[in-house]
Amino acid sequence: MARPGGDLEGPFDQYAQHAFKGSVAEVAEAIAAGAKTLGAQIKLLDANGGRVEAQFDKKMRGKILGDRSWVEVQISAASGKTNCELYAFPLNAIGQKLMFGARDGVVDAVIAALWEETELALRGR
C-alpha cells in the first residue's frame, strides 16, 4: 500500500527498534494481532517478507489520543533474534500525514502499546 504522504519527511516522524523471540513470520503475525487488539486496521501483512503496515484510530484502549497514526514495521532475523524497525507518524482525519499541529505523545503511546501487545500475542496471552 502507498504510504500516506509519500516519502516526504515530516516533523513528527518517529523511528523505533525492538527485538523479539520468534521467527520473522511469527513476529509479523503477532504485530498484526497486537495492532488489531488496539483497534488498528491492517493495511499490509506480509508475514514471510517481514512487513506490517497499520493505521491506528485516534481512540485506543478506551482513551482518545487526539490523532490517528500510521505505523510500518520491517522485520528481519539476525543473531538468533528477530529485529523490528518501526516507522510511524500522525495522520489527519482524511488519512494524510500531519505536517503541523500534531499532539505530543500520541505516536509514542501507539508505539509503546504496539510493542506491549506484540509481546502478549507472542506469549499466547
N, C-alpha and C. Protein backbone atom coordinates (compact mmCIF):
# COMPACT_ATOMS: atom_id res chain seq x y z
N MET A 1 0.84 -1.18 0.00
CA MET A 1 0.00 0.00 0.00
C MET A 1 0.88 1.24 0.00
N ALA A 2 0.41 2.26 -0.68
CA ALA A 2 1.17 3.51 -0.72
C ALA A 2 1.12 4.21 0.63
N ARG A 3 2.23 4.72 1.05
CA ARG A 3 2.33 5.42 2.33
C ARG A 3 1.60 6.77 2.23
N PRO A 4 0.74 7.09 3.19
CA PRO A 4 0.11 8.41 3.19
C PRO A 4 1.19 9.50 3.28
N GLY A 5 1.14 10.44 2.39
CA GLY A 5 2.15 11.50 2.39
C GLY A 5 3.38 11.13 1.56
N GLY A 6 3.36 9.95 0.96
CA GLY A 6 4.51 9.51 0.17
C GLY A 6 5.75 9.36 1.01
N ASP A 7 6.88 9.67 0.44
CA ASP A 7 8.15 9.55 1.16
C ASP A 7 8.61 10.89 1.74
N LEU A 8 7.72 11.84 1.79
CA LEU A 8 8.02 13.15 2.33
C LEU A 8 8.33 13.05 3.82
N GLU A 9 9.47 13.59 4.23
CA GLU A 9 9.83 13.60 5.65
C GLU A 9 8.95 14.59 6.38
N GLY A 10 8.46 14.19 7.54
CA GLY A 10 7.61 15.07 8.33
C GLY A 10 8.25 15.40 9.66
N PRO A 11 7.83 16.49 10.27
CA PRO A 11 8.41 16.90 11.54
C PRO A 11 8.03 15.99 12.71
N PHE A 12 7.02 15.14 12.52
CA PHE A 12 6.56 14.29 13.62
C PHE A 12 6.89 12.82 13.40
N ASP A 13 7.73 12.52 12.41
CA ASP A 13 8.11 11.13 12.13
C ASP A 13 8.82 10.53 13.35
N GLN A 14 8.50 9.28 13.63
CA GLN A 14 9.11 8.57 14.76
C GLN A 14 9.73 7.28 14.24
N TYR A 15 10.87 6.93 14.81
CA TYR A 15 11.55 5.68 14.48
C TYR A 15 11.80 4.92 15.78
N ALA A 16 11.65 3.61 15.74
CA ALA A 16 11.89 2.80 16.93
C ALA A 16 12.37 1.42 16.50
N GLN A 17 13.07 0.77 17.41
CA GLN A 17 13.55 -0.61 17.18
C GLN A 17 13.17 -1.45 18.38
N HIS A 18 12.96 -2.73 18.11
CA HIS A 18 12.65 -3.66 19.19
C HIS A 18 13.02 -5.06 18.72
N ALA A 19 13.46 -5.90 19.64
CA ALA A 19 13.80 -7.29 19.31
C ALA A 19 12.83 -8.23 20.03
N PHE A 20 12.43 -9.28 19.34
CA PHE A 20 11.52 -10.28 19.89
C PHE A 20 12.10 -11.67 19.65
N LYS A 21 11.62 -12.64 20.41
CA LYS A 21 11.96 -14.03 20.16
C LYS A 21 10.88 -14.63 19.28
N GLY A 22 11.31 -15.37 18.27
CA GLY A 22 10.37 -15.99 17.34
C GLY A 22 10.84 -15.76 15.92
N SER A 23 10.22 -16.45 15.00
CA SER A 23 10.58 -16.30 13.59
C SER A 23 10.02 -14.99 13.04
N VAL A 24 10.50 -14.61 11.88
CA VAL A 24 10.02 -13.39 11.24
C VAL A 24 8.51 -13.47 11.04
N ALA A 25 8.02 -14.61 10.54
CA ALA A 25 6.58 -14.77 10.29
C ALA A 25 5.78 -14.71 11.59
N GLU A 26 6.28 -15.34 12.65
CA GLU A 26 5.58 -15.31 13.93
C GLU A 26 5.49 -13.90 14.49
N VAL A 27 6.57 -13.16 14.39
CA VAL A 27 6.58 -11.79 14.90
C VAL A 27 5.67 -10.91 14.06
N ALA A 28 5.68 -11.07 12.75
CA ALA A 28 4.79 -10.28 11.88
C ALA A 28 3.33 -10.55 12.24
N GLU A 29 2.98 -11.81 12.42
CA GLU A 29 1.61 -12.17 12.80
C GLU A 29 1.26 -11.59 14.17
N ALA A 30 2.21 -11.62 15.09
CA ALA A 30 1.97 -11.08 16.44
C ALA A 30 1.79 -9.56 16.41
N ILE A 31 2.57 -8.88 15.57
CA ILE A 31 2.43 -7.43 15.44
C ILE A 31 1.04 -7.11 14.88
N ALA A 32 0.63 -7.84 13.86
CA ALA A 32 -0.70 -7.62 13.28
C ALA A 32 -1.79 -7.90 14.31
N ALA A 33 -1.65 -8.98 15.07
CA ALA A 33 -2.63 -9.31 16.11
C ALA A 33 -2.67 -8.23 17.19
N GLY A 34 -1.49 -7.75 17.58
CA GLY A 34 -1.43 -6.68 18.58
C GLY A 34 -2.07 -5.40 18.08
N ALA A 35 -1.81 -5.07 16.82
CA ALA A 35 -2.40 -3.86 16.23
C ALA A 35 -3.92 -3.98 16.18
N LYS A 36 -4.41 -5.15 15.79
CA LYS A 36 -5.87 -5.36 15.75
C LYS A 36 -6.47 -5.23 17.14
N THR A 37 -5.79 -5.76 18.15
CA THR A 37 -6.27 -5.65 19.52
C THR A 37 -6.40 -4.18 19.93
N LEU A 38 -5.52 -3.35 19.42
CA LEU A 38 -5.55 -1.92 19.73
C LEU A 38 -6.52 -1.15 18.83
N GLY A 39 -7.21 -1.85 17.95
CA GLY A 39 -8.21 -1.22 17.10
C GLY A 39 -7.71 -0.73 15.76
N ALA A 40 -6.51 -1.12 15.38
CA ALA A 40 -5.95 -0.66 14.11
C ALA A 40 -6.50 -1.45 12.93
N GLN A 41 -6.44 -0.84 11.77
CA GLN A 41 -6.74 -1.52 10.52
C GLN A 41 -5.41 -1.98 9.92
N ILE A 42 -5.30 -3.25 9.62
CA ILE A 42 -4.08 -3.76 8.99
C ILE A 42 -4.17 -3.45 7.51
N LYS A 43 -3.23 -2.66 7.03
CA LYS A 43 -3.22 -2.26 5.63
C LYS A 43 -2.36 -3.19 4.78
N LEU A 44 -1.34 -3.80 5.42
CA LEU A 44 -0.47 -4.75 4.72
C LEU A 44 0.09 -5.72 5.74
N LEU A 45 0.00 -7.00 5.42
CA LEU A 45 0.63 -8.04 6.24
C LEU A 45 1.33 -9.00 5.30
N ASP A 46 2.64 -8.94 5.29
CA ASP A 46 3.47 -9.88 4.52
C ASP A 46 4.32 -10.61 5.55
N ALA A 47 3.75 -11.68 6.10
CA ALA A 47 4.42 -12.40 7.20
C ALA A 47 5.76 -12.96 6.76
N ASN A 48 5.83 -13.59 5.60
CA ASN A 48 7.09 -14.18 5.14
C ASN A 48 8.11 -13.12 4.75
N GLY A 49 7.64 -12.00 4.23
CA GLY A 49 8.53 -10.90 3.85
C GLY A 49 8.88 -10.01 5.02
N GLY A 50 8.20 -10.20 6.15
CA GLY A 50 8.52 -9.43 7.35
C GLY A 50 8.11 -7.97 7.28
N ARG A 51 6.89 -7.72 6.82
CA ARG A 51 6.42 -6.33 6.74
C ARG A 51 4.97 -6.22 7.20
N VAL A 52 4.72 -5.22 8.04
CA VAL A 52 3.36 -4.94 8.52
C VAL A 52 3.14 -3.43 8.44
N GLU A 53 1.97 -3.04 7.92
CA GLU A 53 1.57 -1.64 7.89
C GLU A 53 0.18 -1.56 8.50
N ALA A 54 -0.03 -0.57 9.36
CA ALA A 54 -1.33 -0.45 10.03
C ALA A 54 -1.68 1.02 10.24
N GLN A 55 -2.98 1.28 10.24
CA GLN A 55 -3.48 2.61 10.53
C GLN A 55 -4.27 2.55 11.84
N PHE A 56 -3.84 3.34 12.80
CA PHE A 56 -4.46 3.38 14.11
C PHE A 56 -5.44 4.54 14.20
N ASP A 57 -6.57 4.31 14.84
CA ASP A 57 -7.55 5.35 15.06
C ASP A 57 -7.08 6.26 16.18
N LYS A 58 -7.78 7.36 16.38
CA LYS A 58 -7.38 8.28 17.45
C LYS A 58 -7.86 7.82 18.82
N LYS A 59 -8.55 6.71 18.86
CA LYS A 59 -9.02 6.15 20.12
C LYS A 59 -8.35 4.79 20.32
N MET A 60 -7.75 4.59 21.50
CA MET A 60 -7.06 3.34 21.76
C MET A 60 -7.21 2.99 23.24
N ARG A 61 -7.58 1.76 23.51
CA ARG A 61 -7.76 1.29 24.88
C ARG A 61 -8.72 2.18 25.68
N GLY A 62 -9.76 2.65 25.01
CA GLY A 62 -10.77 3.46 25.66
C GLY A 62 -10.40 4.91 25.89
N LYS A 63 -9.23 5.32 25.43
CA LYS A 63 -8.79 6.71 25.60
C LYS A 63 -8.72 7.39 24.24
N ILE A 64 -9.04 8.66 24.22
CA ILE A 64 -8.92 9.43 22.99
C ILE A 64 -7.53 10.06 22.96
N LEU A 65 -6.75 9.66 21.96
CA LEU A 65 -5.37 10.15 21.85
C LEU A 65 -5.31 11.50 21.15
N GLY A 66 -6.23 11.74 20.25
CA GLY A 66 -6.26 13.03 19.57
C GLY A 66 -5.87 12.98 18.11
N ASP A 67 -4.97 12.09 17.72
CA ASP A 67 -4.56 11.95 16.32
C ASP A 67 -4.59 10.48 15.92
N ARG A 68 -4.79 10.25 14.65
CA ARG A 68 -4.64 8.92 14.09
C ARG A 68 -3.15 8.71 13.81
N SER A 69 -2.74 7.46 13.64
CA SER A 69 -1.32 7.18 13.39
C SER A 69 -1.16 6.13 12.31
N TRP A 70 -0.08 6.25 11.57
CA TRP A 70 0.32 5.26 10.57
C TRP A 70 1.59 4.61 11.08
N VAL A 71 1.65 3.27 11.03
CA VAL A 71 2.81 2.53 11.52
C VAL A 71 3.25 1.52 10.47
N GLU A 72 4.55 1.50 10.21
CA GLU A 72 5.16 0.50 9.32
C GLU A 72 6.24 -0.22 10.10
N VAL A 73 6.25 -1.53 10.02
CA VAL A 73 7.29 -2.31 10.71
C VAL A 73 7.95 -3.24 9.70
N GLN A 74 9.27 -3.17 9.65
CA GLN A 74 10.07 -4.09 8.83
C GLN A 74 10.75 -5.05 9.80
N ILE A 75 10.61 -6.35 9.54
CA ILE A 75 11.08 -7.38 10.47
C ILE A 75 12.17 -8.20 9.79
N SER A 76 13.26 -8.45 10.54
CA SER A 76 14.35 -9.26 10.00
C SER A 76 14.95 -10.10 11.12
N ALA A 77 15.58 -11.19 10.73
CA ALA A 77 16.21 -12.08 11.71
C ALA A 77 17.73 -11.92 11.63
N ALA A 78 18.36 -11.87 12.82
CA ALA A 78 19.81 -11.78 12.90
C ALA A 78 20.27 -12.22 14.28
N SER A 79 21.31 -13.01 14.32
CA SER A 79 21.93 -13.44 15.58
C SER A 79 20.94 -14.07 16.56
N GLY A 80 20.04 -14.88 16.06
CA GLY A 80 19.10 -15.58 16.93
C GLY A 80 17.95 -14.75 17.44
N LYS A 81 17.87 -13.50 17.02
CA LYS A 81 16.77 -12.63 17.43
C LYS A 81 16.04 -12.12 16.19
N THR A 82 14.83 -11.70 16.41
CA THR A 82 14.07 -11.09 15.34
C THR A 82 13.95 -9.60 15.64
N ASN A 83 14.51 -8.80 14.76
CA ASN A 83 14.58 -7.36 14.97
C ASN A 83 13.49 -6.64 14.19
N CYS A 84 12.90 -5.64 14.81
CA CYS A 84 11.85 -4.85 14.19
C CYS A 84 12.31 -3.40 14.08
N GLU A 85 12.18 -2.85 12.89
CA GLU A 85 12.46 -1.44 12.63
C GLU A 85 11.10 -0.80 12.35
N LEU A 86 10.72 0.16 13.19
CA LEU A 86 9.40 0.77 13.08
C LEU A 86 9.52 2.21 12.63
N TYR A 87 8.60 2.61 11.77
CA TYR A 87 8.49 3.99 11.32
C TYR A 87 7.03 4.38 11.49
N ALA A 88 6.76 5.50 12.14
CA ALA A 88 5.38 5.91 12.40
C ALA A 88 5.24 7.43 12.33
N PHE A 89 4.03 7.87 12.04
CA PHE A 89 3.74 9.30 12.01
C PHE A 89 2.25 9.51 12.19
N PRO A 90 1.85 10.73 12.63
CA PRO A 90 0.44 11.02 12.82
C PRO A 90 -0.26 11.34 11.50
N LEU A 91 -1.57 11.07 11.49
CA LEU A 91 -2.40 11.33 10.31
C LEU A 91 -3.52 12.31 10.66
N ASN A 92 -4.00 13.01 9.64
CA ASN A 92 -5.16 13.87 9.87
C ASN A 92 -6.44 13.03 9.67
N ALA A 93 -7.60 13.68 9.74
CA ALA A 93 -8.88 12.98 9.68
C ALA A 93 -9.14 12.27 8.36
N ILE A 94 -8.47 12.69 7.29
CA ILE A 94 -8.69 12.03 6.00
C ILE A 94 -7.50 11.16 5.58
N GLY A 95 -6.66 10.83 6.55
CA GLY A 95 -5.58 9.87 6.31
C GLY A 95 -4.33 10.43 5.67
N GLN A 96 -4.12 11.73 5.77
CA GLN A 96 -2.90 12.33 5.24
C GLN A 96 -1.91 12.59 6.36
N LYS A 97 -0.63 12.53 6.03
CA LYS A 97 0.41 12.79 7.01
C LYS A 97 0.30 14.20 7.57
N LEU A 98 0.32 14.31 8.90
CA LEU A 98 0.28 15.62 9.55
C LEU A 98 1.66 16.27 9.46
N MET A 99 1.68 17.48 8.95
CA MET A 99 2.93 18.23 8.83
C MET A 99 3.00 19.35 9.87
N PHE A 100 1.89 19.62 10.55
CA PHE A 100 1.86 20.60 11.64
C PHE A 100 0.65 20.29 12.51
N GLY A 101 0.69 20.73 13.75
CA GLY A 101 -0.45 20.60 14.64
C GLY A 101 -0.66 19.26 15.30
N ALA A 102 0.30 18.37 15.23
CA ALA A 102 0.15 17.06 15.86
C ALA A 102 0.26 17.19 17.38
N ARG A 103 -0.44 16.34 18.08
CA ARG A 103 -0.41 16.37 19.55
C ARG A 103 0.80 15.59 20.06
N ASP A 104 1.41 16.10 21.12
CA ASP A 104 2.58 15.46 21.72
C ASP A 104 2.21 14.10 22.32
N GLY A 105 3.08 13.13 22.12
CA GLY A 105 2.96 11.85 22.79
C GLY A 105 2.04 10.83 22.16
N VAL A 106 1.30 11.20 21.14
CA VAL A 106 0.33 10.27 20.54
C VAL A 106 1.05 9.10 19.88
N VAL A 107 1.98 9.39 18.99
CA VAL A 107 2.68 8.31 18.27
C VAL A 107 3.52 7.50 19.26
N ASP A 108 4.12 8.14 20.25
CA ASP A 108 4.88 7.41 21.27
C ASP A 108 3.98 6.42 22.00
N ALA A 109 2.77 6.82 22.34
CA ALA A 109 1.82 5.94 23.03
C ALA A 109 1.43 4.76 22.15
N VAL A 110 1.24 5.00 20.87
CA VAL A 110 0.89 3.93 19.94
C VAL A 110 2.03 2.93 19.83
N ILE A 111 3.25 3.42 19.71
CA ILE A 111 4.41 2.53 19.59
C ILE A 111 4.56 1.68 20.85
N ALA A 112 4.50 2.29 22.01
CA ALA A 112 4.64 1.55 23.28
C ALA A 112 3.55 0.49 23.42
N ALA A 113 2.32 0.84 23.10
CA ALA A 113 1.22 -0.11 23.20
C ALA A 113 1.38 -1.25 22.19
N LEU A 114 1.87 -0.94 20.99
CA LEU A 114 2.06 -1.98 19.98
C LEU A 114 3.12 -2.98 20.42
N TRP A 115 4.24 -2.51 20.96
CA TRP A 115 5.28 -3.44 21.44
C TRP A 115 4.71 -4.32 22.56
N GLU A 116 3.94 -3.73 23.47
CA GLU A 116 3.36 -4.46 24.59
C GLU A 116 2.38 -5.54 24.08
N GLU A 117 1.51 -5.18 23.17
CA GLU A 117 0.53 -6.14 22.64
C GLU A 117 1.20 -7.23 21.80
N THR A 118 2.30 -6.87 21.14
CA THR A 118 3.04 -7.87 20.36
C THR A 118 3.64 -8.91 21.30
N GLU A 119 4.23 -8.47 22.40
CA GLU A 119 4.78 -9.41 23.41
C GLU A 119 3.68 -10.34 23.91
N LEU A 120 2.52 -9.79 24.23
CA LEU A 120 1.40 -10.61 24.71
C LEU A 120 0.94 -11.62 23.65
N ALA A 121 0.88 -11.18 22.41
CA ALA A 121 0.47 -12.07 21.33
C ALA A 121 1.48 -13.20 21.14
N LEU A 122 2.77 -12.89 21.27
CA LEU A 122 3.80 -13.93 21.12
C LEU A 122 3.74 -14.95 22.27
N ARG A 123 3.35 -14.50 23.45
CA ARG A 123 3.22 -15.40 24.60
C ARG A 123 1.92 -16.20 24.55
N GLY A 124 1.05 -15.85 23.61
CA GLY A 124 -0.21 -16.57 23.51
C GLY A 124 -1.26 -16.06 24.47
N ARG A 125 -1.01 -14.88 25.05
CA ARG A 125 -1.92 -14.24 26.00
C ARG A 125 -2.12 -15.16 27.16
